[in-house]
């Protein structure tokens, strides 16, 4: 069920699996300000539906997350989604090396704490990983 749609991302909720599927899109047109707003919109959906799992598709993620925005995300978003019940994350790898590194830095163990994070090369593999939990 589609629960959120914008120019930059869509979020589907699979209630039977307590799973969000976040698909990022049009990332070449995004700014730090818009990215932060999209993360705030995401957090609101997490707080509304309380999924324990999320698959994040970054296959068109051509956006390097600035260090300031990474810190902002850790302080303002990750704490909220973890408090809402998120435990398991599968991330479909970004094709752009700089974008991928910024995603991995943003999702490092010291910033995500108790989250179990896996990286995958396609949606099917990500779903297989998350269905184990």
N, C-alpha and C. Protein backbone atom coordinates (compact mmCIF):
# COMPACT_ATOMS: atom_id res chain seq x y z
N UNK A 1 0.84 -1.17 0.00
CA UNK A 1 0.00 0.00 0.00
C UNK A 1 0.89 1.24 0.00
N UNK A 2 0.69 2.12 -0.97
CA UNK A 2 1.44 3.36 -1.06
C UNK A 2 0.96 4.30 0.05
N UNK A 3 1.90 4.78 0.87
CA UNK A 3 1.51 5.68 1.96
C UNK A 3 2.10 7.08 1.81
N UNK A 4 3.10 7.21 0.92
CA UNK A 4 3.71 8.52 0.71
C UNK A 4 4.30 8.55 -0.69
N UNK A 5 4.13 9.69 -1.36
CA UNK A 5 4.69 9.86 -2.70
C UNK A 5 5.06 11.33 -2.89
N UNK A 6 6.27 11.56 -3.34
CA UNK A 6 6.71 12.90 -3.71
C UNK A 6 7.57 12.76 -4.96
N UNK A 7 8.09 13.87 -5.42
CA UNK A 7 8.98 13.84 -6.58
C UNK A 7 10.25 13.06 -6.27
N UNK A 8 10.65 12.99 -4.99
CA UNK A 8 11.94 12.45 -4.61
C UNK A 8 11.92 11.06 -3.99
N UNK A 9 10.76 10.63 -3.49
CA UNK A 9 10.70 9.30 -2.89
C UNK A 9 9.27 8.80 -2.85
N UNK A 10 9.16 7.49 -2.75
CA UNK A 10 7.87 6.87 -2.48
C UNK A 10 8.06 5.89 -1.34
N UNK A 11 7.00 5.72 -0.56
CA UNK A 11 7.03 4.77 0.55
C UNK A 11 5.81 3.87 0.45
N UNK A 12 6.07 2.57 0.44
CA UNK A 12 5.01 1.57 0.48
C UNK A 12 5.08 0.86 1.83
N UNK A 13 3.93 0.45 2.33
CA UNK A 13 3.86 -0.29 3.58
C UNK A 13 3.26 -1.66 3.31
N UNK A 14 4.01 -2.69 3.63
CA UNK A 14 3.54 -4.07 3.54
C UNK A 14 3.17 -4.49 4.96
N UNK A 15 1.89 -4.31 5.31
CA UNK A 15 1.44 -4.53 6.69
C UNK A 15 1.68 -5.96 7.15
N UNK A 16 1.49 -6.95 6.28
CA UNK A 16 1.64 -8.35 6.67
C UNK A 16 3.07 -8.68 7.09
N UNK A 17 4.03 -7.89 6.62
CA UNK A 17 5.43 -8.12 6.97
C UNK A 17 6.00 -7.01 7.84
N UNK A 18 5.15 -6.04 8.20
CA UNK A 18 5.57 -4.89 8.99
C UNK A 18 6.81 -4.23 8.37
N UNK A 19 6.70 -3.98 7.05
CA UNK A 19 7.83 -3.57 6.23
C UNK A 19 7.51 -2.31 5.43
N UNK A 20 8.45 -1.37 5.46
CA UNK A 20 8.41 -0.20 4.58
C UNK A 20 9.35 -0.48 3.40
N UNK A 21 8.94 -0.02 2.22
CA UNK A 21 9.83 -0.02 1.06
C UNK A 21 9.94 1.44 0.62
N UNK A 22 11.14 1.99 0.77
CA UNK A 22 11.42 3.39 0.42
C UNK A 22 12.21 3.40 -0.88
N UNK A 23 11.70 4.08 -1.87
CA UNK A 23 12.39 4.18 -3.16
C UNK A 23 12.72 5.65 -3.40
N UNK A 24 14.03 5.93 -3.45
CA UNK A 24 14.48 7.29 -3.76
C UNK A 24 14.50 7.46 -5.28
N UNK A 25 14.15 8.67 -5.76
CA UNK A 25 14.12 8.94 -7.20
C UNK A 25 14.48 10.41 -7.45
N UNK A 26 14.81 10.74 -8.66
CA UNK A 26 15.16 12.11 -9.07
C UNK A 26 16.21 12.74 -8.14
N UNK A 27 17.18 11.96 -7.76
CA UNK A 27 18.17 12.44 -6.78
C UNK A 27 19.17 13.43 -7.36
N UNK A 28 19.24 13.57 -8.66
CA UNK A 28 20.17 14.55 -9.24
C UNK A 28 19.61 15.96 -9.07
N UNK A 29 18.33 16.06 -8.71
CA UNK A 29 17.68 17.36 -8.59
C UNK A 29 17.47 17.78 -7.13
N UNK A 30 18.04 17.05 -6.19
CA UNK A 30 17.75 17.30 -4.79
C UNK A 30 18.85 18.16 -4.14
N UNK A 31 18.47 18.86 -3.09
CA UNK A 31 19.41 19.67 -2.30
C UNK A 31 19.39 19.15 -0.86
N UNK A 32 20.33 19.63 -0.05
CA UNK A 32 20.33 19.24 1.37
C UNK A 32 19.01 19.61 2.04
N UNK A 33 18.51 20.79 1.75
CA UNK A 33 17.27 21.25 2.37
C UNK A 33 16.09 20.34 2.01
N UNK A 34 15.97 20.00 0.73
CA UNK A 34 14.88 19.12 0.30
C UNK A 34 15.07 17.72 0.88
N UNK A 35 16.30 17.22 0.87
CA UNK A 35 16.58 15.90 1.42
C UNK A 35 16.18 15.82 2.89
N UNK A 36 16.52 16.85 3.66
CA UNK A 36 16.13 16.87 5.08
C UNK A 36 14.61 16.87 5.23
N UNK A 37 13.90 17.63 4.40
CA UNK A 37 12.44 17.65 4.46
C UNK A 37 11.86 16.28 4.13
N UNK A 38 12.44 15.62 3.14
CA UNK A 38 11.98 14.28 2.78
C UNK A 38 12.23 13.29 3.92
N UNK A 39 13.35 13.44 4.62
CA UNK A 39 13.60 12.58 5.78
C UNK A 39 12.60 12.85 6.90
N UNK A 40 12.25 14.11 7.10
CA UNK A 40 11.22 14.45 8.10
C UNK A 40 9.88 13.81 7.72
N UNK A 41 9.53 13.85 6.44
CA UNK A 41 8.30 13.21 5.98
C UNK A 41 8.35 11.71 6.22
N UNK A 42 9.51 11.12 5.98
CA UNK A 42 9.70 9.69 6.25
C UNK A 42 9.47 9.39 7.73
N UNK A 43 10.09 10.18 8.59
CA UNK A 43 9.98 9.96 10.03
C UNK A 43 8.53 9.99 10.49
N UNK A 44 7.75 10.91 9.94
CA UNK A 44 6.32 10.98 10.29
C UNK A 44 5.60 9.69 9.92
N UNK A 45 5.94 9.11 8.77
CA UNK A 45 5.32 7.85 8.35
C UNK A 45 5.76 6.69 9.25
N UNK A 46 7.03 6.69 9.64
CA UNK A 46 7.51 5.67 10.57
C UNK A 46 6.75 5.75 11.89
N UNK A 47 6.55 6.94 12.39
CA UNK A 47 5.84 7.12 13.65
C UNK A 47 4.36 6.75 13.53
N UNK A 48 3.81 6.89 12.36
CA UNK A 48 2.40 6.55 12.14
C UNK A 48 2.19 5.04 12.01
N UNK A 49 3.10 4.34 11.30
CA UNK A 49 2.91 2.91 10.99
C UNK A 49 3.78 1.97 11.82
N UNK A 50 4.85 2.45 12.42
CA UNK A 50 5.74 1.66 13.28
C UNK A 50 6.28 0.38 12.64
N UNK A 51 6.86 0.45 11.44
CA UNK A 51 7.42 -0.77 10.85
C UNK A 51 8.69 -1.19 11.57
N UNK A 52 8.93 -2.48 11.62
CA UNK A 52 10.17 -2.97 12.23
C UNK A 52 11.26 -3.17 11.18
N UNK A 53 10.86 -3.16 9.88
CA UNK A 53 11.81 -3.41 8.79
C UNK A 53 11.63 -2.36 7.69
N UNK A 54 12.75 -2.04 7.03
CA UNK A 54 12.68 -1.14 5.88
C UNK A 54 13.70 -1.57 4.83
N UNK A 55 13.23 -1.57 3.58
CA UNK A 55 14.10 -1.75 2.43
C UNK A 55 14.23 -0.39 1.77
N UNK A 56 15.46 0.09 1.64
CA UNK A 56 15.71 1.41 1.06
C UNK A 56 16.40 1.23 -0.29
N UNK A 57 15.71 1.63 -1.35
CA UNK A 57 16.24 1.51 -2.70
C UNK A 57 16.97 2.81 -3.06
N UNK A 58 18.30 2.71 -3.10
CA UNK A 58 19.12 3.87 -3.46
C UNK A 58 19.75 3.69 -4.84
N UNK A 59 19.09 2.89 -5.69
CA UNK A 59 19.68 2.56 -6.99
C UNK A 59 19.82 3.77 -7.92
N UNK A 60 19.12 4.85 -7.64
CA UNK A 60 19.32 6.09 -8.42
C UNK A 60 19.73 7.24 -7.48
N UNK A 61 20.42 6.90 -6.43
CA UNK A 61 20.83 7.86 -5.41
C UNK A 61 22.15 8.50 -5.83
N UNK A 62 22.07 9.55 -6.62
CA UNK A 62 23.26 10.28 -7.08
C UNK A 62 23.41 11.56 -6.26
N UNK A 63 23.37 11.42 -4.96
CA UNK A 63 23.41 12.57 -4.06
C UNK A 63 24.35 12.23 -2.92
N UNK A 64 25.40 13.00 -2.76
CA UNK A 64 26.31 12.80 -1.63
C UNK A 64 25.77 13.57 -0.44
N UNK A 65 25.52 12.86 0.62
CA UNK A 65 24.96 13.46 1.83
C UNK A 65 26.09 14.22 2.54
N UNK A 66 25.91 15.50 2.74
CA UNK A 66 26.95 16.31 3.37
C UNK A 66 27.16 15.88 4.82
N UNK A 67 28.36 16.09 5.36
CA UNK A 67 28.60 15.75 6.77
C UNK A 67 27.61 16.43 7.72
N UNK A 68 27.25 17.69 7.46
CA UNK A 68 26.28 18.38 8.31
C UNK A 68 24.92 17.69 8.27
N UNK A 69 24.50 17.26 7.08
CA UNK A 69 23.20 16.59 6.95
C UNK A 69 23.27 15.19 7.55
N UNK A 70 24.41 14.53 7.47
CA UNK A 70 24.56 13.23 8.13
C UNK A 70 24.37 13.38 9.64
N UNK A 71 25.01 14.38 10.21
CA UNK A 71 24.87 14.64 11.65
C UNK A 71 23.43 14.99 11.99
N UNK A 72 22.83 15.85 11.19
CA UNK A 72 21.43 16.23 11.40
C UNK A 72 20.52 15.00 11.35
N UNK A 73 20.75 14.13 10.37
CA UNK A 73 19.96 12.91 10.25
C UNK A 73 20.10 12.03 11.49
N UNK A 74 21.32 11.87 11.96
CA UNK A 74 21.55 11.04 13.15
C UNK A 74 20.84 11.60 14.37
N UNK A 75 20.84 12.91 14.50
CA UNK A 75 20.25 13.55 15.68
C UNK A 75 18.73 13.70 15.59
N UNK A 76 18.20 13.85 14.39
CA UNK A 76 16.79 14.20 14.23
C UNK A 76 15.91 13.12 13.61
N UNK A 77 16.49 12.20 12.86
CA UNK A 77 15.69 11.20 12.16
C UNK A 77 15.92 9.79 12.71
N UNK A 78 17.17 9.36 12.74
CA UNK A 78 17.44 7.99 13.18
C UNK A 78 16.89 7.72 14.58
N UNK A 79 17.03 8.65 15.47
CA UNK A 79 16.50 8.45 16.82
C UNK A 79 14.98 8.27 16.80
N UNK A 80 14.31 9.00 15.93
CA UNK A 80 12.84 8.90 15.83
C UNK A 80 12.39 7.57 15.24
N UNK A 81 13.04 7.12 14.16
CA UNK A 81 12.60 5.88 13.53
C UNK A 81 12.93 4.67 14.39
N UNK A 82 14.04 4.72 15.11
CA UNK A 82 14.37 3.64 16.04
C UNK A 82 13.35 3.62 17.18
N UNK A 83 13.00 4.78 17.71
CA UNK A 83 11.98 4.87 18.77
C UNK A 83 10.62 4.37 18.27
N UNK A 84 10.36 4.50 16.96
CA UNK A 84 9.10 4.04 16.37
C UNK A 84 9.09 2.53 16.16
N UNK A 85 10.22 1.87 16.39
CA UNK A 85 10.25 0.41 16.30
C UNK A 85 11.12 -0.18 15.22
N UNK A 86 11.82 0.63 14.44
CA UNK A 86 12.65 0.09 13.37
C UNK A 86 13.81 -0.70 13.95
N UNK A 87 14.01 -1.93 13.41
CA UNK A 87 15.09 -2.79 13.88
C UNK A 87 15.99 -3.30 12.75
N UNK A 88 15.42 -3.48 11.55
CA UNK A 88 16.13 -4.11 10.45
C UNK A 88 16.06 -3.25 9.18
N UNK A 89 17.24 -3.07 8.56
CA UNK A 89 17.34 -2.22 7.37
C UNK A 89 18.11 -2.99 6.31
N UNK A 90 17.56 -3.01 5.09
CA UNK A 90 18.29 -3.51 3.93
C UNK A 90 18.38 -2.35 2.94
N UNK A 91 19.59 -2.10 2.45
CA UNK A 91 19.82 -0.97 1.55
C UNK A 91 20.31 -1.50 0.21
N UNK A 92 19.56 -1.16 -0.82
CA UNK A 92 19.96 -1.47 -2.19
C UNK A 92 21.04 -0.47 -2.58
N UNK A 93 22.20 -0.97 -2.95
CA UNK A 93 23.37 -0.13 -3.18
C UNK A 93 23.17 0.94 -4.25
N UNK A 94 23.76 2.10 -3.98
CA UNK A 94 23.76 3.21 -4.94
C UNK A 94 24.85 2.97 -5.98
N UNK A 95 24.60 3.31 -7.24
CA UNK A 95 25.62 3.10 -8.28
C UNK A 95 26.77 4.10 -8.21
N UNK A 96 26.52 5.27 -7.64
CA UNK A 96 27.53 6.31 -7.55
C UNK A 96 28.39 6.08 -6.31
N UNK A 97 29.70 5.98 -6.49
CA UNK A 97 30.61 5.68 -5.39
C UNK A 97 30.51 6.71 -4.26
N UNK A 98 30.48 7.99 -4.60
CA UNK A 98 30.43 9.04 -3.57
C UNK A 98 29.11 8.98 -2.80
N UNK A 99 28.02 8.73 -3.51
CA UNK A 99 26.72 8.59 -2.84
C UNK A 99 26.73 7.38 -1.94
N UNK A 100 27.29 6.25 -2.42
CA UNK A 100 27.31 5.03 -1.62
C UNK A 100 28.13 5.23 -0.34
N UNK A 101 29.28 5.86 -0.47
CA UNK A 101 30.11 6.11 0.71
C UNK A 101 29.36 6.99 1.71
N UNK A 102 28.66 8.01 1.23
CA UNK A 102 27.94 8.90 2.16
C UNK A 102 26.79 8.15 2.83
N UNK A 103 26.15 7.22 2.13
CA UNK A 103 25.08 6.41 2.73
C UNK A 103 25.68 5.50 3.80
N UNK A 104 26.79 4.83 3.48
CA UNK A 104 27.42 3.94 4.44
C UNK A 104 27.92 4.70 5.67
N UNK A 105 28.46 5.90 5.48
CA UNK A 105 28.88 6.71 6.63
C UNK A 105 27.68 7.08 7.48
N UNK A 106 26.59 7.43 6.83
CA UNK A 106 25.39 7.84 7.54
C UNK A 106 24.78 6.68 8.31
N UNK A 107 24.99 5.45 7.84
CA UNK A 107 24.40 4.28 8.47
C UNK A 107 25.44 3.46 9.23
N UNK A 108 26.50 4.09 9.68
CA UNK A 108 27.54 3.37 10.40
C UNK A 108 27.04 2.92 11.77
N UNK A 109 27.72 1.91 12.32
CA UNK A 109 27.30 1.32 13.59
C UNK A 109 27.26 2.34 14.72
N UNK A 110 28.21 3.27 14.73
CA UNK A 110 28.21 4.24 15.83
C UNK A 110 27.03 5.21 15.76
N UNK A 111 26.41 5.35 14.58
CA UNK A 111 25.27 6.24 14.47
C UNK A 111 23.93 5.51 14.54
N UNK A 112 23.92 4.24 14.18
CA UNK A 112 22.65 3.51 14.13
C UNK A 112 22.43 2.60 15.33
N UNK A 113 23.46 2.36 16.11
CA UNK A 113 23.33 1.59 17.34
C UNK A 113 22.75 0.21 17.14
N UNK A 114 21.50 0.02 17.56
CA UNK A 114 20.89 -1.30 17.61
C UNK A 114 20.33 -1.79 16.28
N UNK A 115 20.35 -0.97 15.24
CA UNK A 115 19.81 -1.40 13.95
C UNK A 115 20.67 -2.48 13.32
N UNK A 116 20.02 -3.47 12.73
CA UNK A 116 20.71 -4.49 11.95
C UNK A 116 20.65 -4.02 10.49
N UNK A 117 21.80 -3.72 9.90
CA UNK A 117 21.86 -3.15 8.55
C UNK A 117 22.54 -4.12 7.60
N UNK A 118 21.89 -4.36 6.46
CA UNK A 118 22.45 -5.21 5.41
C UNK A 118 22.43 -4.43 4.10
N UNK A 119 23.39 -4.73 3.24
CA UNK A 119 23.43 -4.13 1.92
C UNK A 119 23.16 -5.22 0.89
N UNK A 120 22.46 -4.86 -0.17
CA UNK A 120 22.09 -5.84 -1.19
C UNK A 120 22.22 -5.20 -2.57
N UNK A 121 22.19 -6.07 -3.60
CA UNK A 121 22.35 -5.58 -4.96
C UNK A 121 21.05 -5.49 -5.73
N UNK A 122 19.96 -6.07 -5.20
CA UNK A 122 18.66 -5.95 -5.85
C UNK A 122 17.54 -6.07 -4.81
N UNK A 123 16.37 -5.68 -5.21
CA UNK A 123 15.22 -5.65 -4.29
C UNK A 123 14.90 -7.04 -3.77
N UNK A 124 14.95 -8.05 -4.63
CA UNK A 124 14.62 -9.41 -4.22
C UNK A 124 15.54 -9.89 -3.09
N UNK A 125 16.85 -9.63 -3.23
CA UNK A 125 17.79 -10.01 -2.17
C UNK A 125 17.50 -9.26 -0.87
N UNK A 126 17.19 -7.98 -0.99
CA UNK A 126 16.86 -7.20 0.20
C UNK A 126 15.63 -7.74 0.91
N UNK A 127 14.61 -8.11 0.15
CA UNK A 127 13.41 -8.68 0.75
C UNK A 127 13.70 -10.04 1.40
N UNK A 128 14.54 -10.86 0.77
CA UNK A 128 14.91 -12.16 1.37
C UNK A 128 15.59 -11.95 2.71
N UNK A 129 16.50 -11.00 2.74
CA UNK A 129 17.22 -10.70 3.99
C UNK A 129 16.23 -10.31 5.07
N UNK A 130 15.33 -9.38 4.75
CA UNK A 130 14.39 -8.86 5.76
C UNK A 130 13.36 -9.89 6.18
N UNK A 131 13.00 -10.80 5.31
CA UNK A 131 12.01 -11.83 5.66
C UNK A 131 12.55 -12.85 6.65
N UNK A 132 13.85 -12.88 6.86
CA UNK A 132 14.46 -13.79 7.85
C UNK A 132 14.14 -13.32 9.28
N UNK A 133 13.78 -12.06 9.41
CA UNK A 133 13.56 -11.50 10.75
C UNK A 133 12.08 -11.45 11.08
